[in-house]
C-alpha atoms as a PDB file:
ATOM      1  CA  MET A   1       0.105  -0.093   0.230  1.00  0.00           C
ATOM      2  CA  ASP A   2       1.160   3.611  -0.897  1.00  0.00           C
ATOM      3  CA  LEU A   3       1.947   6.266   1.953  1.00  0.00           C
ATOM      4  CA  VAL A   4       0.336   9.337   1.581  1.00  0.00           C
ATOM      5  CA  SER A   5       2.358  12.212   0.668  1.00  0.00           C
ATOM      6  CA  ILE A   6       2.346  16.168   1.706  1.00  0.00           C
ATOM      7  CA  PRO A   7       4.716  18.695   0.757  1.00  0.00           C
ATOM      8  CA  ALA A   8       4.501  19.331   5.464  1.00  0.00           C
ATOM      9  CA  ASN A   9       4.810  15.244   5.498  1.00  0.00           C
ATOM     10  CA  PRO A  10       7.019  13.750   2.675  1.00  0.00           C
ATOM     11  CA  VAL A  11       7.787  10.199   2.224  1.00  0.00           C
ATOM     12  CA  PRO A  12      11.590   9.906   3.320  1.00  0.00           C
ATOM     13  CA  ASP A  13      13.919   8.253   0.758  1.00  0.00           C
ATOM     14  CA  ASP A  14      14.804   4.301   0.847  1.00  0.00           C
ATOM     15  CA  VAL A  15      11.358   3.472   1.503  1.00  0.00           C
ATOM     16  CA  VAL A  16       9.819  -0.394   0.576  1.00  0.00           C
ATOM     17  CA  THR A  17       6.103  -0.814   1.465  1.00  0.00           C
ATOM     18  CA  GLY A  18       3.960  -3.770   1.720  1.00  0.00           C
ATOM     19  CA  THR A  19       1.166  -5.964   3.150  1.00  0.00           C
ATOM     20  CA  ILE A  20       1.648  -8.590   5.141  1.00  0.00           C
ATOM     21  CA  LYS A  21      -0.670 -11.021   6.413  1.00  0.00           C
ATOM     22  CA  THR A  22      -0.711 -12.713   9.626  1.00  0.00           C
ATOM     23  CA  SER A  23      -1.706 -16.128  10.943  1.00  0.00           C
ATOM     24  CA  ASP A  24      -5.069 -15.401  11.657  1.00  0.00           C
ATOM     25  CA  GLY A  25      -6.001 -13.998   7.877  1.00  0.00           C
ATOM     26  CA  VAL A  26      -5.697  -9.880   9.006  1.00  0.00           C
ATOM     27  CA  ASN A  27      -4.115  -7.927   6.481  1.00  0.00           C
ATOM     28  CA  LEU A  28      -1.492  -5.562   7.647  1.00  0.00           C
ATOM     29  CA  ARG A  29       0.270  -2.092   6.137  1.00  0.00           C
ATOM     30  CA  PHE A  30       4.341  -2.422   6.318  1.00  0.00           C
ATOM     31  CA  ALA A  31       6.902  -0.278   5.626  1.00  0.00           C
ATOM     32  CA  ARG A  32      10.803  -0.326   5.651  1.00  0.00           C
ATOM     33  CA  TRP A  33      14.057   2.080   5.171  1.00  0.00           C
ATOM     34  CA  HIS A  34      17.015   0.687   3.496  1.00  0.00           C
ATOM     35  CA  PRO A  35      19.732   0.753   6.206  1.00  0.00           C
ATOM     36  CA  PRO A  36      21.790   4.000   5.839  1.00  0.00           C
ATOM     37  CA  PRO A  37      25.437   4.250   5.044  1.00  0.00           C
ATOM     38  CA  GLY A  38      27.315   3.124   8.405  1.00  0.00           C
ATOM     39  CA  ARG A  39      24.068   1.218   9.653  1.00  0.00           C
ATOM     40  CA  LYS A  40      23.959   0.068  13.361  1.00  0.00           C
ATOM     41  CA  GLY A  41      21.163  -2.406  12.807  1.00  0.00           C
ATOM     42  CA  THR A  42      17.839  -1.569  12.601  1.00  0.00           C
ATOM     43  CA  ILE A  43      14.782   0.353  14.164  1.00  0.00           C
ATOM     44  CA  CYS A  44      11.567  -1.608  14.645  1.00  0.00           C
ATOM     45  CA  LEU A  45       9.353   1.013  15.410  1.00  0.00           C
ATOM     46  CA  PHE A  46       5.590   0.130  16.505  1.00  0.00           C
ATOM     47  CA  GLN A  47       3.239   3.260  17.078  1.00  0.00           C
ATOM     48  CA  GLY A  48       0.471   3.760  19.901  1.00  0.00           C
ATOM     49  CA  ARG A  49      -3.732   3.487  19.468  1.00  0.00           C
ATOM     50  CA  ALA A  50      -5.238   5.522  16.587  1.00  0.00           C
ATOM     51  CA  GLU A  51      -1.587   6.320  14.774  1.00  0.00           C
ATOM     52  CA  PHE A  52      -0.383   5.028  11.450  1.00  0.00           C
ATOM     53  CA  ILE A  53       3.164   5.214   9.650  1.00  0.00           C
ATOM     54  CA  GLU A  54       2.554   8.587   8.332  1.00  0.00           C
ATOM     55  CA  LYS A  55       3.115  10.293  11.228  1.00  0.00           C
ATOM     56  CA  TYR A  56       5.942   9.247  12.567  1.00  0.00           C
ATOM     57  CA  PHE A  57       7.799   9.782   9.287  1.00  0.00           C
ATOM     58  CA  GLU A  58      10.001  12.450  11.273  1.00  0.00           C
ATOM     59  CA  THR A  59      11.156   9.769  13.571  1.00  0.00           C
ATOM     60  CA  VAL A  60      12.349   7.694  10.854  1.00  0.00           C
ATOM     61  CA  ARG A  61      14.400  10.632   9.945  1.00  0.00           C
ATOM     62  CA  GLU A  62      15.487  10.739  13.359  1.00  0.00           C
ATOM     63  CA  LEU A  63      17.000   7.329  13.366  1.00  0.00           C
ATOM     64  CA  ARG A  64      17.954   6.962   9.421  1.00  0.00           C
ATOM     65  CA  SER A  65      19.854  10.033  10.016  1.00  0.00           C
ATOM     66  CA  ARG A  66      22.110   7.825  13.379  1.00  0.00           C
ATOM     67  CA  GLY A  67      22.723   4.691  10.570  1.00  0.00           C
ATOM     68  CA  PHE A  68      19.948   2.370  11.312  1.00  0.00           C
ATOM     69  CA  ALA A  69      17.386   0.633   9.959  1.00  0.00           C
ATOM     70  CA  VAL A  70      13.746   1.679   9.805  1.00  0.00           C
ATOM     71  CA  ALA A  71      10.827  -0.716   9.725  1.00  0.00           C
ATOM     72  CA  THR A  72       6.816  -0.009  10.728  1.00  0.00           C
ATOM     73  CA  PHE A  73       3.871  -0.959  10.170  1.00  0.00           C
ATOM     74  CA  ASP A  74      -0.425  -0.369  11.451  1.00  0.00           C
ATOM     75  CA  TRP A  75      -1.393  -2.573  14.244  1.00  0.00           C
ATOM     76  CA  ARG A  76      -4.654  -4.002  12.828  1.00  0.00           C
ATOM     77  CA  GLY A  77      -7.565  -1.793  12.937  1.00  0.00           C
ATOM     78  CA  GLN A  78      -6.542   1.035  12.428  1.00  0.00           C
ATOM     79  CA  GLY A  79      -3.849   3.170   9.990  1.00  0.00           C
ATOM     80  CA  ARG A  80      -4.377   1.818   6.651  1.00  0.00           C
ATOM     81  CA  SER A  81      -4.225  -1.550   8.058  1.00  0.00           C
ATOM     82  CA  GLN A  82      -7.158  -4.451   7.767  1.00  0.00           C
ATOM     83  CA  ARG A  83      -9.908  -2.987  10.029  1.00  0.00           C
ATOM     84  CA  LYS A  84     -12.730  -5.565  11.700  1.00  0.00           C
ATOM     85  CA  LEU A  85     -16.261  -3.966  12.272  1.00  0.00           C
ATOM     86  CA  ASP A  86     -18.216  -1.956   9.849  1.00  0.00           C
ATOM     87  CA  ASP A  87     -17.504   0.979  11.607  1.00  0.00           C
ATOM     88  CA  PRO A  88     -13.764   1.879  10.597  1.00  0.00           C
ATOM     89  CA  ARG A  89     -14.051   4.763  12.887  1.00  0.00           C
ATOM     90  CA  LYS A  90     -13.635   2.076  15.843  1.00  0.00           C
ATOM     91  CA  GLY A  91     -10.625   1.251  17.661  1.00  0.00           C
ATOM     92  CA  HIS A  92     -11.256  -2.949  18.283  1.00  0.00           C
ATOM     93  CA  VAL A  93      -9.477  -5.839  19.055  1.00  0.00           C
ATOM     94  CA  GLY A  94     -10.794  -8.218  21.326  1.00  0.00           C
ATOM     95  CA  ASP A  95      -7.518  -9.662  23.232  1.00  0.00           C
ATOM     96  CA  PHE A  96      -4.030  -7.898  23.624  1.00  0.00           C
ATOM     97  CA  SER A  97      -2.937 -11.137  21.940  1.00  0.00           C
ATOM     98  CA  GLU A  98      -4.111 -10.423  18.608  1.00  0.00           C
ATOM     99  CA  TYR A  99      -1.639  -7.506  18.790  1.00  0.00           C
ATOM    100  CA  GLU A 100       1.437  -9.719  19.444  1.00  0.00           C
ATOM    101  CA  THR A 101      -0.169 -11.486  16.334  1.00  0.00           C
ATOM    102  CA  ASP A 102       0.208  -8.622  14.393  1.00  0.00           C
ATOM    103  CA  LEU A 103       3.880  -8.727  15.431  1.00  0.00           C
ATOM    104  CA  GLU A 104       4.817 -11.975  15.328  1.00  0.00           C
ATOM    105  CA  ALA A 105       4.065 -11.947  11.704  1.00  0.00           C
ATOM    106  CA  PHE A 106       5.991  -8.406  11.082  1.00  0.00           C
ATOM    107  CA  MET A 107       9.396  -9.839  11.650  1.00  0.00           C
ATOM    108  CA  ARG A 108       8.193 -13.490  10.181  1.00  0.00           C
ATOM    109  CA  GLU A 109       7.942 -11.140   7.107  1.00  0.00           C
ATOM    110  CA  VAL A 110       9.819  -8.145   7.212  1.00  0.00           C
ATOM    111  CA  VAL A 111      12.172  -7.919   9.584  1.00  0.00           C
ATOM    112  CA  LEU A 112      13.906 -11.085  10.006  1.00  0.00           C
ATOM    113  CA  PRO A 113      14.181 -11.129   5.823  1.00  0.00           C
ATOM    114  CA  ASP A 114      15.390  -8.499   4.958  1.00  0.00           C
ATOM    115  CA  CYS A 115      16.130  -5.607   8.127  1.00  0.00           C
ATOM    116  CA  PRO A 116      19.900  -6.503   9.008  1.00  0.00           C
ATOM    117  CA  PRO A 117      20.702  -6.776  12.510  1.00  0.00           C
ATOM    118  CA  PRO A 118      21.131  -5.989  14.980  1.00  0.00           C
ATOM    119  CA  ILE A 119      17.277  -5.676  16.343  1.00  0.00           C
ATOM    120  CA  PHE A 120      16.106  -2.739  18.597  1.00  0.00           C
ATOM    121  CA  ALA A 121      12.559  -2.227  19.487  1.00  0.00           C
ATOM    122  CA  VAL A 122      10.554   1.983  19.811  1.00  0.00           C
ATOM    123  CA  ALA A 123       6.955   1.983  20.822  1.00  0.00           C
ATOM    124  CA  HIS A 124       4.423   4.593  22.061  1.00  0.00           C
ATOM    125  CA  SER A 125       1.444   4.144  24.385  1.00  0.00           C
ATOM    126  CA  MET A 126      -0.178   1.130  22.898  1.00  0.00           C
ATOM    127  CA  GLY A 127       3.190  -0.438  21.609  1.00  0.00           C
ATOM    128  CA  GLY A 128       4.904   0.017  24.783  1.00  0.00           C
ATOM    129  CA  THR A 129       1.981  -1.975  26.504  1.00  0.00           C
ATOM    130  CA  VAL A 130       2.311  -4.986  23.627  1.00  0.00           C
ATOM    131  CA  MET A 131       6.029  -4.649  23.505  1.00  0.00           C
ATOM    132  CA  MET A 132       6.393  -5.076  27.603  1.00  0.00           C
ATOM    133  CA  ARG A 133       4.126  -8.176  27.750  1.00  0.00           C
ATOM    134  CA  LEU A 134       6.697  -8.943  24.913  1.00  0.00           C
ATOM    135  CA  ALA A 135       9.044  -8.167  27.168  1.00  0.00           C
ATOM    136  CA  ARG A 136       7.115 -11.003  30.133  1.00  0.00           C
ATOM    137  CA  LYS A 137       7.595 -14.035  27.913  1.00  0.00           C
ATOM    138  CA  GLY A 138      10.796 -13.635  26.994  1.00  0.00           C
ATOM    139  CA  SER A 139      10.917 -11.205  23.537  1.00  0.00           C
ATOM    140  CA  ARG A 140      13.689 -12.920  21.451  1.00  0.00           C
ATOM    141  CA  TRP A 141      14.058 -10.642  18.530  1.00  0.00           C
ATOM    142  CA  PHE A 142      15.591  -7.587  20.417  1.00  0.00           C
ATOM    143  CA  ASP A 143      18.524  -6.133  22.482  1.00  0.00           C
ATOM    144  CA  ARG A 144      17.007  -3.505  23.134  1.00  0.00           C
ATOM    145  CA  VAL A 145      13.211  -1.289  24.020  1.00  0.00           C
ATOM    146  CA  VAL A 146      12.905   1.720  24.556  1.00  0.00           C
ATOM    147  CA  LEU A 147       9.198   2.345  25.390  1.00  0.00           C
ATOM    148  CA  SER A 148       7.305   6.441  24.646  1.00  0.00           C
ATOM    149  CA  ALA A 149       4.697   7.545  27.234  1.00  0.00           C
ATOM    150  CA  PRO A 150       3.731   3.315  27.327  1.00  0.00           C
ATOM    151  CA  MET A 151       0.398   2.312  28.670  1.00  0.00           C
ATOM    152  CA  ILE A 152       1.329   0.478  32.232  1.00  0.00           C
ATOM    153  CA  GLN A 153      -1.880   2.539  33.736  1.00  0.00           C
ATOM    154  CA  LEU A 154      -4.521   5.297  32.300  1.00  0.00           C
ATOM    155  CA  ALA A 155      -4.520   8.629  34.300  1.00  0.00           C
ATOM    156  CA  GLY A 156      -7.304   9.956  36.263  1.00  0.00           C
ATOM    157  CA  SER A 157     -10.433   8.371  36.764  1.00  0.00           C
ATOM    158  CA  ARG A 158     -10.567   6.063  33.117  1.00  0.00           C
ATOM    159  CA  ASP A 159      -8.248   3.717  35.882  1.00  0.00           C
ATOM    160  CA  SER A 160     -10.864   3.690  38.688  1.00  0.00           C
ATOM    161  CA  GLY A 161     -12.398   0.550  39.871  1.00  0.00           C
ATOM    162  CA  PHE A 162     -15.551   2.449  38.938  1.00  0.00           C
ATOM    163  CA  ALA A 163     -14.391   2.510  35.172  1.00  0.00           C
ATOM    164  CA  LYS A 164     -13.126  -1.039  34.823  1.00  0.00           C
ATOM    165  CA  PHE A 165     -16.375  -3.090  35.952  1.00  0.00           C
ATOM    166  CA  ALA A 166     -18.301  -0.955  34.248  1.00  0.00           C
ATOM    167  CA  VAL A 167     -16.634  -1.549  30.528  1.00  0.00           C
ATOM    168  CA  ARG A 168     -16.389  -5.563  31.856  1.00  0.00           C
ATOM    169  CA  ALA A 169     -20.267  -5.868  32.539  1.00  0.00           C
ATOM    170  CA  MET A 170     -20.617  -4.086  29.525  1.00  0.00           C
ATOM    171  CA  ARG A 171     -18.358  -6.388  27.467  1.00  0.00           C
ATOM    172  CA  TYR A 172     -20.090  -9.308  29.114  1.00  0.00           C
ATOM    173  CA  ALA A 173     -24.249  -7.756  28.209  1.00  0.00           C
ATOM    174  CA  GLY A 174     -22.654  -8.557  24.840  1.00  0.00           C
ATOM    175  CA  MET A 175     -21.390  -4.377  23.797  1.00  0.00           C
ATOM    176  CA  GLY A 176     -17.804  -5.244  23.067  1.00  0.00           C
ATOM    177  CA  SER A 177     -18.234  -3.223  19.561  1.00  0.00           C
ATOM    178  CA  ALA A 178     -19.483  -0.066  21.012  1.00  0.00           C
ATOM    179  CA  TYR A 179     -17.949   3.102  21.598  1.00  0.00           C
ATOM    180  CA  VAL A 180     -16.961   3.877  24.958  1.00  0.00           C
ATOM    181  CA  PRO A 181     -19.378   5.450  27.453  1.00  0.00           C
ATOM    182  CA  SER A 182     -19.301   9.051  26.119  1.00  0.00           C
ATOM    183  CA  GLY A 183     -16.943   7.945  22.876  1.00  0.00           C
ATOM    184  CA  ASN A 184     -17.642   8.306  19.682  1.00  0.00           C
ATOM    185  CA  ASP A 185     -16.472   8.557  15.709  1.00  0.00           C
ATOM    186  CA  THR A 186     -14.392  12.357  16.405  1.00  0.00           C
ATOM    187  CA  VAL A 187     -11.096  11.311  14.501  1.00  0.00           C
ATOM    188  CA  VAL A 188      -7.808  11.376  16.930  1.00  0.00           C
ATOM    189  CA  ALA A 189      -5.463  14.548  16.558  1.00  0.00           C
ATOM    190  CA  SER A 190      -8.395  15.957  13.738  1.00  0.00           C
ATOM    191  CA  GLY A 191      -9.868  18.705  16.062  1.00  0.00           C
ATOM    192  CA  PRO A 192      -8.334  22.095  17.018  1.00  0.00           C
ATOM    193  CA  TYR A 193      -4.627  22.261  18.436  1.00  0.00           C
ATOM    194  CA  ILE A 194      -5.942  25.020  22.070  1.00  0.00           C
ATOM    195  CA  GLY A 195      -7.404  22.168  24.480  1.00  0.00           C
ATOM    196  CA  ASN A 196      -5.253  18.984  22.826  1.00  0.00           C
ATOM    197  CA  HIS A 197      -3.673  16.007  25.049  1.00  0.00           C
ATOM    198  CA  LEU A 198      -0.835  14.980  22.588  1.00  0.00           C
ATOM    199  CA  THR A 199       1.212  17.421  21.777  1.00  0.00           C
ATOM    200  CA  SER A 200       2.308  21.036  22.783  1.00  0.00           C
ATOM    201  CA  ASP A 201       3.907  21.585  19.781  1.00  0.00           C
ATOM    202  CA  PRO A 202       1.115  23.568  17.444  1.00  0.00           C
ATOM    203  CA  VAL A 203       3.364  22.592  14.626  1.00  0.00           C
ATOM    204  CA  ARG A 204       3.554  19.123  14.724  1.00  0.00           C
ATOM    205  CA  TYR A 205       0.137  18.774  15.944  1.00  0.00           C
ATOM    206  CA  ALA A 206      -0.812  20.543  12.204  1.00  0.00           C
ATOM    207  CA  ARG A 207       1.279  18.071  10.863  1.00  0.00           C
ATOM    208  CA  THR A 208      -0.399  15.219  12.024  1.00  0.00           C
ATOM    209  CA  LYS A 209      -3.927  16.432  11.334  1.00  0.00           C
ATOM    210  CA  ALA A 210      -2.813  17.391   7.768  1.00  0.00           C
ATOM    211  CA  VAL A 211      -2.063  14.484   7.076  1.00  0.00           C
ATOM    212  CA  LEU A 212      -5.697  13.260   7.921  1.00  0.00           C
ATOM    213  CA  GLU A 213      -7.220  15.599   6.265  1.00  0.00           C
ATOM    214  CA  ALA A 214      -5.378  14.436   2.681  1.00  0.00           C
ATOM    215  CA  ALA A 215      -6.410  10.801   3.817  1.00  0.00           C
ATOM    216  CA  PRO A 216      -9.119  10.664   5.768  1.00  0.00           C
ATOM    217  CA  ASP A 217      -9.360   7.141   6.096  1.00  0.00           C
ATOM    218  CA  LEU A 218      -6.737   6.564   8.404  1.00  0.00           C
ATOM    219  CA  GLY A 219      -7.908   8.531  11.527  1.00  0.00           C
ATOM    220  CA  LEU A 220      -9.610   6.548  14.005  1.00  0.00           C
ATOM    221  CA  GLY A 221     -12.352   7.298  16.957  1.00  0.00           C
ATOM    222  CA  SER A 222     -12.764   6.405  20.012  1.00  0.00           C
ATOM    223  CA  PRO A 223     -11.987   3.233  21.153  1.00  0.00           C
ATOM    224  CA  THR A 224     -14.693   0.254  21.101  1.00  0.00           C
ATOM    225  CA  VAL A 225     -15.633  -1.250  25.010  1.00  0.00           C
ATOM    226  CA  ALA A 226     -13.893  -5.005  23.914  1.00  0.00           C
ATOM    227  CA  TRP A 227     -11.117  -3.170  23.577  1.00  0.00           C
ATOM    228  CA  LEU A 228     -10.944  -1.199  27.069  1.00  0.00           C
ATOM    229  CA  ASN A 229     -11.647  -4.277  28.441  1.00  0.00           C
ATOM    230  CA  ALA A 230      -8.578  -5.732  26.744  1.00  0.00           C
ATOM    231  CA  ALA A 231      -6.660  -3.152  27.624  1.00  0.00           C
ATOM    232  CA  TYR A 232      -7.411  -2.821  31.548  1.00  0.00           C
ATOM    233  CA  ARG A 233      -6.876  -7.148  31.041  1.00  0.00           C
ATOM    234  CA  ALA A 234      -3.611  -6.377  29.652  1.00  0.00           C
ATOM    235  CA  MET A 235      -2.391  -3.262  31.620  1.00  0.00           C
ATOM    236  CA  ASN A 236      -4.052  -5.457  35.420  1.00  0.00           C
ATOM    237  CA  GLU A 237      -0.751  -7.915  34.387  1.00  0.00           C
ATOM    238  CA  PHE A 238       1.341  -4.985  35.186  1.00  0.00           C
ATOM    239  CA  THR A 239       0.652  -5.163  38.988  1.00  0.00           C
ATOM    240  CA  ASP A 240       1.427  -8.151  39.978  1.00  0.00           C
ATOM    241  CA  PRO A 241       4.371  -8.362  42.132  1.00  0.00           C
ATOM    242  CA  ALA A 242       6.081 -10.682  40.940  1.00  0.00           C
ATOM    243  CA  PHE A 243       6.393  -9.284  37.469  1.00  0.00           C
ATOM    244  CA  PRO A 244       9.246  -7.208  36.821  1.00  0.00           C
ATOM    245  CA  GLY A 245      11.338 -10.152  38.242  1.00  0.00           C
ATOM    246  CA  LYS A 246      10.744 -12.277  35.395  1.00  0.00           C
ATOM    247  CA  VAL A 247      11.791  -9.564  32.531  1.00  0.00           C
ATOM    248  CA  ARG A 248      15.249 -10.153  31.405  1.00  0.00           C
ATOM    249  CA  GLN A 249      15.000  -7.603  27.855  1.00  0.00           C
ATOM    250  CA  PRO A 250      17.210  -3.977  28.718  1.00  0.00           C
ATOM    251  CA  LEU A 251      14.852  -1.193  28.553  1.00  0.00           C
ATOM    252  CA  MET A 252      14.558   2.547  29.013  1.00  0.00           C
ATOM    253  CA  LEU A 253      11.096   3.777  29.717  1.00  0.00           C
ATOM    254  CA  VAL A 254      10.485   7.873  28.951  1.00  0.00           C
ATOM    255  CA  ALA A 255       7.421   9.489  30.448  1.00  0.00           C
ATOM    256  CA  ALA A 256       5.783  12.466  29.684  1.00  0.00           C
ATOM    257  CA  GLY A 257       6.206  14.511  33.216  1.00  0.00           C
ATOM    258  CA  ARG A 258       2.444  16.619  31.986  1.00  0.00           C
ATOM    259  CA  ASP A 259       0.385  13.074  30.343  1.00  0.00           C
ATOM    260  CA  ASP A 260      -2.899  12.938  31.422  1.00  0.00           C
ATOM    261  CA  ILE A 261      -3.687   9.591  29.606  1.00  0.00           C
ATOM    262  CA  VAL A 262      -0.991   7.303  30.713  1.00  0.00           C
ATOM    263  CA  SER A 263       0.030   7.444  34.753  1.00  0.00           C
ATOM    264  CA  THR A 264       3.397   8.949  34.244  1.00  0.00           C
ATOM    265  CA  ALA A 265       3.834   7.455  38.109  1.00  0.00           C
ATOM    266  CA  ALA A 266       3.334   4.120  37.438  1.00  0.00           C
ATOM    267  CA  THR A 267       5.437   4.502  34.696  1.00  0.00           C
ATOM    268  CA  GLU A 268       8.223   5.493  36.636  1.00  0.00           C
ATOM    269  CA  GLU A 269       7.206   2.588  39.484  1.00  0.00           C
ATOM    270  CA  LEU A 270       7.510  -0.170  37.328  1.00  0.00           C
ATOM    271  CA  ALA A 271      11.311   1.551  35.750  1.00  0.00           C
ATOM    272  CA  ILE A 272      12.254   1.087  38.809  1.00  0.00           C
ATOM    273  CA  ARG A 273      11.379  -2.084  39.764  1.00  0.00           C
ATOM    274  CA  LEU A 274      12.446  -3.951  36.837  1.00  0.00           C
ATOM    275  CA  ARG A 275      16.179  -5.898  37.068  1.00  0.00           C
ATOM    276  CA  ALA A 276      17.751  -4.087  33.094  1.00  0.00           C
ATOM    277  CA  GLY A 277      15.181  -0.617  33.181  1.00  0.00           C
ATOM    278  CA  SER A 278      16.063   2.877  33.939  1.00  0.00           C
ATOM    279  CA  HIS A 279      14.074   5.242  33.630  1.00  0.00           C
ATOM    280  CA  LEU A 280      13.573   9.293  32.173  1.00  0.00           C
ATOM    281  CA  ILE A 281      10.682  11.725  32.826  1.00  0.00           C
ATOM    282  CA  VAL A 282      10.960  14.257  30.915  1.00  0.00           C
ATOM    283  CA  ALA A 283       9.124  17.695  32.682  1.00  0.00           C
ATOM    284  CA  GLY A 284       6.509  19.606  30.866  1.00  0.00           C
ATOM    285  CA  SER A 285       6.239  17.439  28.154  1.00  0.00           C
ATOM    286  CA  ARG A 286       2.477  16.504  27.240  1.00  0.00           C
ATOM    287  CA  HIS A 287       2.489  12.737  25.670  1.00  0.00           C
ATOM    288  CA  GLU A 288       3.649  12.058  22.081  1.00  0.00           C
ATOM    289  CA  LEU A 289       7.875  12.735  23.036  1.00  0.00           C
ATOM    290  CA  MET A 290       8.461  13.102  19.811  1.00  0.00           C
ATOM    291  CA  MET A 291       5.974  14.846  18.865  1.00  0.00           C
ATOM    292  CA  GLU A 292       6.535  17.345  21.377  1.00  0.00           C
ATOM    293  CA  GLN A 293       8.400  20.371  21.113  1.00  0.00           C
ATOM    294  CA  ASP A 294      12.459  20.596  20.373  1.00  0.00           C
ATOM    295  CA  ARG A 295      13.142  21.426  24.353  1.00  0.00           C
ATOM    296  CA  TYR A 296      11.520  17.853  25.492  1.00  0.00           C
ATOM    297  CA  ARG A 297      12.193  15.838  22.004  1.00  0.00           C
ATOM    298  CA  GLY A 298      15.636  16.648  22.918  1.00  0.00           C
ATOM    299  CA  GLN A 299      15.883  14.693  25.765  1.00  0.00           C
ATOM    300  CA  PHE A 300      13.459  12.094  24.786  1.00  0.00           C
ATOM    301  CA  TRP A 301      16.674  11.523  21.849  1.00  0.00           C
ATOM    302  CA  ALA A 302      19.284  12.331  24.088  1.00  0.00           C
ATOM    303  CA  ALA A 303      18.027   8.666  26.829  1.00  0.00           C
ATOM    304  CA  PHE A 304      17.722   7.148  23.153  1.00  0.00           C
ATOM    305  CA  ASP A 305      21.258   8.258  21.755  1.00  0.00           C
ATOM    306  CA  ALA A 306      22.191   6.950  25.463  1.00  0.00           C
ATOM    307  CA  PHE A 307      20.740   3.698  25.563  1.00  0.00           C
ATOM    308  CA  VAL A 308      20.825   1.819  21.578  1.00  0.00           C
ATOM    309  CA  PRO A 309      23.214   0.419  21.243  1.00  0.00           C
ATOM    310  CA  GLY A 310      24.853  -0.891  23.967  1.00  0.00           C
ATOM    311  CA  THR A 311      27.177  -3.319  26.015  1.00  0.00           C
ATOM    312  CA  PRO A 312      24.644  -6.097  26.313  1.00  0.00           C
ATOM    313  CA  LEU A 313      23.071  -6.693  30.120  1.00  0.00           C
ATOM    314  CA  PHE A 314      22.097 -10.252  29.291  1.00  0.00           C
ATOM    315  CA  LYS A 315      24.645 -13.036  28.057  1.00  0.00           C
END
């Protein structure tokens, strides 16, 4: 599938795009960029909920300027990957293991055959949830993983016991494909800059909005009841006191100081307990660290540069 290019957000050079099929029959759009001279390996880039490949073109350039090949894809149900429900604006899965199936296909069909080792990962928000679960299971692919504002716990009232109970009850009542309460088909990042919860950078916010205006099919609205219930189940795994000790994957968790989408405190608490984990809180940043003002992005990239590549912690 072709990538969407606009003057404010051109496609980085040397790209290969295509479609792969997962083991359960879902079509996923992928893109990979050839390694530049002096290559250091490959970065696999895993997006958050309601995102798409085009949103990360600037990030791709940052990574390639550091000598890395880059490979990425759209999760099922978003971007230009296959969407399950009749309403394409609904963000929907029944279980987060479906995202692991996506990642398995991506690694098997795209990364391992065509991308140079060593292999590292950068994952944002929901992508961080997927990567953290894989790390506990002993993921065998990545030398090191950087998580940007990982979805370890939702912020504020969305993490309340009442919210979890209500969503679970709606799921069991057969309302899994409905939007979450107060949710709708309004595309994420399509509204005015003022009042957005994603970034304090008006230029980068406008860039994402312009891509969505040029290609409305990339957009996604609120999640479904089933998606949120699945997210709660996935995040609940991180509350197990034994969870940190099962993670041997070297991880860098970078959290945003002004994040009101995911809990920065929960991210910090988990990072402190990880055997091979380190963390940084970027004071003042909103949720999307890689789409933030340069003064915040610079701190993220400094942490990345100090961590990837690095000396193996386990042999």
